[in-house]
Protein backbone atom coordinates (compact mmCIF):
# COMPACT_ATOMS: atom_id res chain seq x y z
CA MET A 1 16.52 0.05 40.39
CA ASN A 2 17.05 1.74 43.76
CA ASP A 3 15.36 4.88 42.37
CA HIS A 4 18.30 5.45 40.03
CA ARG A 5 15.97 5.79 37.03
CA TYR A 6 17.33 3.10 34.77
CA SER A 7 15.39 2.56 31.56
CA ALA A 8 13.16 -0.35 30.67
CA HIS A 9 15.71 -1.04 27.94
CA ALA A 10 18.40 -1.78 30.52
CA MET A 11 16.07 -4.25 32.24
CA LEU A 12 15.26 -5.97 28.94
CA LEU A 13 18.87 -6.62 27.91
CA PRO A 14 19.01 -10.27 29.10
CA TYR A 15 15.92 -11.04 26.99
CA LEU A 16 17.49 -9.48 23.88
CA ASP A 17 20.62 -11.65 23.85
CA GLN A 18 22.55 -8.82 25.51
CA SER A 19 23.42 -10.46 28.83
CA VAL A 20 27.09 -9.54 28.42
CA ILE A 21 26.22 -5.83 28.42
CA TYR A 22 23.65 -6.27 31.18
CA ASN A 23 26.22 -7.91 33.43
CA GLN A 24 28.57 -4.96 32.95
CA LEU A 25 26.05 -2.59 34.55
CA ASN A 26 26.27 -1.63 38.19
CA PHE A 27 22.71 -0.84 39.26
CA ASP A 28 23.85 0.29 42.69
CA VAL A 29 24.87 3.66 41.24
CA ALA A 30 23.10 6.13 38.97
CA PRO A 31 23.40 5.30 35.24
CA PHE A 32 26.22 7.76 34.48
CA HIS A 33 27.83 8.05 37.91
CA PRO A 34 29.79 10.17 38.80
CA PHE A 35 28.04 12.41 36.27
CA VAL A 36 24.53 13.41 37.25
CA ASN A 37 23.07 13.86 33.78
CA ALA A 38 24.96 12.67 30.72
CA GLY A 39 22.83 14.79 28.40
CA ASN A 40 23.77 18.09 30.02
CA ASP A 41 27.40 17.46 30.88
CA ASP A 42 30.15 19.17 28.93
CA GLN A 43 31.26 16.71 26.27
CA GLU A 44 34.92 17.70 26.44
CA GLU A 45 34.93 17.17 30.19
CA LEU A 46 33.14 13.87 29.73
CA ALA A 47 35.76 12.75 27.20
CA LYS A 48 38.54 13.50 29.68
CA ARG A 49 36.81 11.65 32.50
CA PHE A 50 35.14 8.85 30.54
CA ASN A 51 37.04 6.16 32.42
CA GLU A 52 35.46 7.36 35.66
CA VAL A 53 31.96 6.47 34.44
CA ILE A 54 31.27 3.13 36.10
CA ASN A 55 28.77 2.05 33.43
CA GLY A 56 30.62 3.78 30.61
CA THR A 57 31.67 0.70 28.63
CA ALA A 58 28.18 -0.79 28.67
CA ALA A 59 26.48 2.55 27.96
CA ALA A 60 28.67 3.12 24.90
CA ALA A 61 27.41 -0.08 23.26
CA LYS A 62 25.32 0.49 20.15
CA ILE A 63 22.51 -2.07 20.29
CA SER A 64 20.89 -2.58 16.90
CA VAL A 65 17.48 -3.57 18.26
CA PHE A 66 17.19 -0.09 19.81
CA ILE A 67 17.93 1.75 16.54
CA CYS A 68 15.48 2.43 13.70
CA PRO A 69 17.19 1.92 10.31
CA SER A 70 14.97 4.62 8.77
CA ASP A 71 16.19 7.37 11.10
CA LEU A 72 19.03 9.80 10.47
CA ASN A 73 22.30 9.38 12.35
CA ARG A 74 23.16 12.89 13.58
CA LEU A 75 23.94 12.41 17.28
CA GLN A 76 27.54 12.94 18.37
CA SER A 77 27.14 11.49 21.84
CA ARG A 78 29.53 8.72 22.89
CA TRP A 79 26.61 6.72 24.29
CA GLY A 80 24.68 4.05 22.40
CA PRO A 81 21.59 5.77 20.90
CA ASN A 82 17.94 4.82 21.06
CA ASN A 83 14.85 5.25 18.88
CA TYR A 84 12.35 3.02 20.65
CA ARG A 85 10.61 4.52 23.66
CA SER A 86 8.61 2.94 26.50
CA CYS A 87 5.13 4.29 27.18
CA ASN A 88 4.78 6.54 30.21
CA GLY A 89 1.02 7.02 29.82
CA SER A 90 -1.46 9.59 28.60
CA SER A 91 -0.90 12.42 31.08
CA TRP A 92 1.65 15.23 30.99
CA SER A 93 3.41 13.91 34.09
CA GLY A 94 6.96 12.84 33.40
CA ARG A 95 7.20 11.16 36.79
CA GLU A 96 3.95 9.41 37.62
CA GLY A 97 2.66 7.99 34.36
CA ASN A 98 -0.55 5.98 34.00
CA GLY A 99 1.00 3.74 31.35
CA MET A 100 3.08 0.59 31.37
CA PHE A 101 6.44 2.25 32.11
CA GLY A 102 6.17 5.18 34.51
CA GLN A 103 9.30 6.41 36.23
CA ASN A 104 10.54 3.99 38.92
CA SER A 105 7.39 1.92 38.47
CA SER A 106 6.72 -1.80 38.33
CA VAL A 107 3.65 -2.93 36.39
CA ARG A 108 2.68 -6.56 35.79
CA LEU A 109 0.73 -7.71 32.76
CA GLY A 110 -2.09 -8.58 35.12
CA ASP A 111 -2.33 -4.91 36.08
CA VAL A 112 -3.32 -4.00 32.53
CA LYS A 113 -7.10 -3.76 32.80
CA ASP A 114 -7.72 -2.20 29.39
CA GLY A 115 -6.57 -5.34 27.54
CA LEU A 116 -3.08 -5.97 26.22
CA SER A 117 -4.17 -5.48 22.61
CA ASN A 118 -5.47 -2.02 23.57
CA THR A 119 -2.38 -0.84 25.47
CA GLY A 120 0.73 0.77 24.02
CA MET A 121 4.08 -0.50 25.27
CA PHE A 122 6.74 0.98 22.97
CA SER A 123 6.80 3.37 20.06
CA GLU A 124 9.50 5.26 18.16
CA HIS A 125 10.98 8.74 18.21
CA ALA A 126 13.42 10.46 15.87
CA LYS A 127 16.93 10.92 17.24
CA GLY A 128 18.20 14.45 17.82
CA THR A 129 20.24 16.69 15.55
CA TRP A 130 22.97 17.52 18.13
CA ASP A 131 22.89 21.01 16.59
CA ASP A 132 20.99 23.84 18.26
CA THR A 133 21.01 25.87 15.04
CA ILE A 134 18.78 23.32 13.30
CA ILE A 135 15.05 23.35 14.03
CA ASP A 136 13.70 19.80 13.79
CA PRO A 137 10.14 19.40 15.14
CA LEU A 138 10.33 15.60 14.94
CA SER A 139 13.13 15.40 17.50
CA ASP A 140 13.49 18.75 19.30
CA LEU A 141 12.02 19.22 22.78
CA TYR A 142 10.89 22.83 23.27
CA ASN A 143 10.98 24.48 26.68
CA LEU A 144 7.71 26.22 27.54
CA GLN A 145 8.69 27.37 30.99
CA GLY A 146 5.87 28.70 33.11
CA VAL A 147 3.07 28.00 35.55
CA TRP A 148 0.58 25.86 33.65
CA THR A 149 -2.39 23.61 34.14
CA GLU A 150 -2.25 20.47 32.02
CA SER A 151 -4.90 21.72 29.60
CA GLN A 152 -3.14 25.09 29.22
CA PHE A 153 0.16 23.40 28.56
CA ILE A 154 -1.33 21.09 25.92
CA GLU A 155 -3.00 24.05 24.21
CA ALA A 156 0.20 26.12 24.25
CA CYS A 157 2.28 23.29 22.82
CA GLY A 158 -0.37 22.53 20.22
CA SER A 159 -0.37 26.12 19.02
CA LEU A 160 3.32 25.99 18.06
CA ALA A 161 4.47 25.68 14.47
CA PRO A 162 8.11 24.95 13.58
CA GLU A 163 8.70 28.63 12.90
CA THR A 164 7.31 29.76 16.27
CA ALA A 165 8.74 26.85 18.27
CA GLY A 166 12.25 27.84 17.27
CA VAL A 167 12.16 30.99 19.40
CA TYR A 168 12.16 28.84 22.53
CA GLN A 169 15.15 27.09 24.04
CA TYR A 170 15.15 23.47 22.93
CA ASP A 171 16.95 20.19 23.58
CA VAL A 172 18.68 18.53 20.62
CA GLU A 173 19.96 15.28 22.12
CA SER A 174 16.81 13.18 21.73
CA GLY A 175 17.55 9.48 22.11
CA GLN A 176 21.24 9.93 22.88
CA THR A 177 21.27 6.89 25.20
CA TRP A 178 19.29 3.73 25.88
CA LEU A 179 20.53 3.45 29.48
CA ALA A 180 18.67 6.09 31.51
CA GLY A 181 14.92 6.48 31.91
CA ASN A 182 14.85 10.13 30.91
CA MET A 183 11.75 11.22 28.97
CA ASN A 184 13.86 12.70 26.18
CA TRP A 185 15.93 9.54 25.75
CA THR A 186 13.88 6.41 26.40
CA ARG A 187 10.23 7.25 27.16
CA TYR A 188 7.26 8.88 25.45
CA ASN A 189 3.61 9.66 26.19
CA HIS A 190 0.18 9.76 24.55
CA VAL A 191 -0.77 13.37 25.28
CA ARG A 192 -0.78 14.53 21.65
CA THR A 193 -0.86 12.40 18.51
CA PRO A 194 2.31 11.26 16.67
CA ASN A 195 4.67 13.56 14.77
CA ARG A 196 3.57 16.68 16.67
CA ILE A 197 5.85 19.19 18.37
CA ASN A 198 7.28 18.11 21.73
CA CYS A 199 7.31 20.40 24.78
CA LYS A 200 8.55 20.43 28.37
CA ASN A 201 7.97 22.77 31.26
CA GLY A 202 11.43 23.85 32.32
CA PHE A 203 10.25 24.21 35.90
CA THR A 204 9.61 20.50 36.26
CA TRP A 205 9.52 17.29 34.25
CA ASP A 206 6.00 16.88 35.59
CA GLY A 207 5.02 18.91 32.54
CA VAL A 208 6.09 17.19 29.32
CA ILE A 209 4.56 16.29 25.96
CA LEU A 210 6.74 13.81 24.15
CA ASN A 211 5.05 12.26 21.14
CA PRO A 212 6.29 9.38 19.02
CA SER A 213 7.79 10.51 15.74
CA SER A 214 9.46 8.97 12.72
CA TRP A 215 10.69 9.52 9.19
CA HIS A 216 8.11 7.02 7.93
CA ALA A 217 5.29 8.48 5.89
CA SER A 218 2.52 9.94 8.06
CA GLY A 219 2.79 7.82 11.18
CA VAL A 220 4.72 5.65 13.62
CA ASN A 221 5.00 2.03 14.67
CA LEU A 222 3.43 1.06 17.99
CA LEU A 223 4.14 -2.12 19.95
CA LEU A 224 1.03 -3.26 21.82
CA GLY A 225 0.93 -5.39 24.93
CA ASP A 226 -0.12 -8.50 23.05
CA GLY A 227 3.16 -8.40 21.10
CA SER A 228 1.69 -7.07 17.86
CA VAL A 229 3.16 -4.05 16.07
CA ARG A 230 0.77 -1.69 14.32
CA PHE A 231 1.41 1.34 12.14
CA ILE A 232 -0.50 4.28 13.65
CA SER A 233 -1.50 7.24 11.51
CA GLU A 234 -0.46 10.65 12.78
CA ASN A 235 -4.10 11.60 12.19
CA ILE A 236 -5.50 9.10 14.70
CA ASN A 237 -8.28 10.47 16.91
CA VAL A 238 -6.63 12.04 19.97
CA GLU A 239 -8.99 10.42 22.49
CA THR A 240 -8.36 7.00 20.99
CA TRP A 241 -4.63 7.68 21.08
CA ARG A 242 -4.76 8.67 24.75
CA ALA A 243 -6.78 5.57 25.57
CA LEU A 244 -3.99 3.45 24.08
CA GLY A 245 -1.53 5.03 26.48
CA THR A 246 -3.20 3.93 29.73
CA ILE A 247 -3.23 0.52 31.40
CA SER A 248 -6.48 0.79 33.34
CA GLY A 249 -8.38 3.84 32.24
CA GLY A 250 -11.35 1.90 30.93
CA GLU A 251 -11.43 4.01 27.76
CA LYS A 252 -12.66 2.59 24.49
CA THR A 253 -10.21 2.17 21.62
CA ALA A 254 -12.75 1.15 19.00
CA GLY A 255 -12.24 2.56 15.54
CA LEU A 256 -8.48 2.34 15.56
CA GLY A 257 -8.41 1.42 11.91
CA ILE A 258 -5.14 -0.45 12.37
């Protein structure tokens, strides 16, 4: 709302029997006002000034429907965590997605031209370790800072193994809040297939690869637009996977095997 980049999760609260928390939110300010970015703020400073955060009480709520019981609980953030991400689309843009939930976007079901049963809405992502000495490819977001084209960026990220990814700076607070529409907290995309290494271009969030991931065996759960939930193999064809991420690309999703 008002370009403050609230998450789809915040908008959904009244429909999840969480109206009390929803009504505590002040959408006229940024999610963690007066802090700009809760993920990068000094935690000791935040603890001292917690009462200044207008949405602090609501944001601290742990909402069970946003948490996967199969995931590990390693985050030390004071905010309510999140596993389930909204789909930004199939491109590397972290701002203008071609999926159901791009940043500051508003998409109606009637805008979904590919068919609701062929369009991803939400999937899951492992929560972070909160420890920058632990390399965890399922949750870490590796910073490949540079001047890239989309294809170059995808190739560079795809060439990383856990051993080589660890030499880059990486974010460890994946899913630390359900409140803000940050790509590393509440959104994902269909650039690469599930359970692959995640990358961002430190120059801009317009370059980001954030795949679903989980501790389930060999895949992730995907909520489709028709309300069905399917288990998607991490070995799904990449073109089929990308087609599932768009709302009106006209791509074929035959052969899903789900």
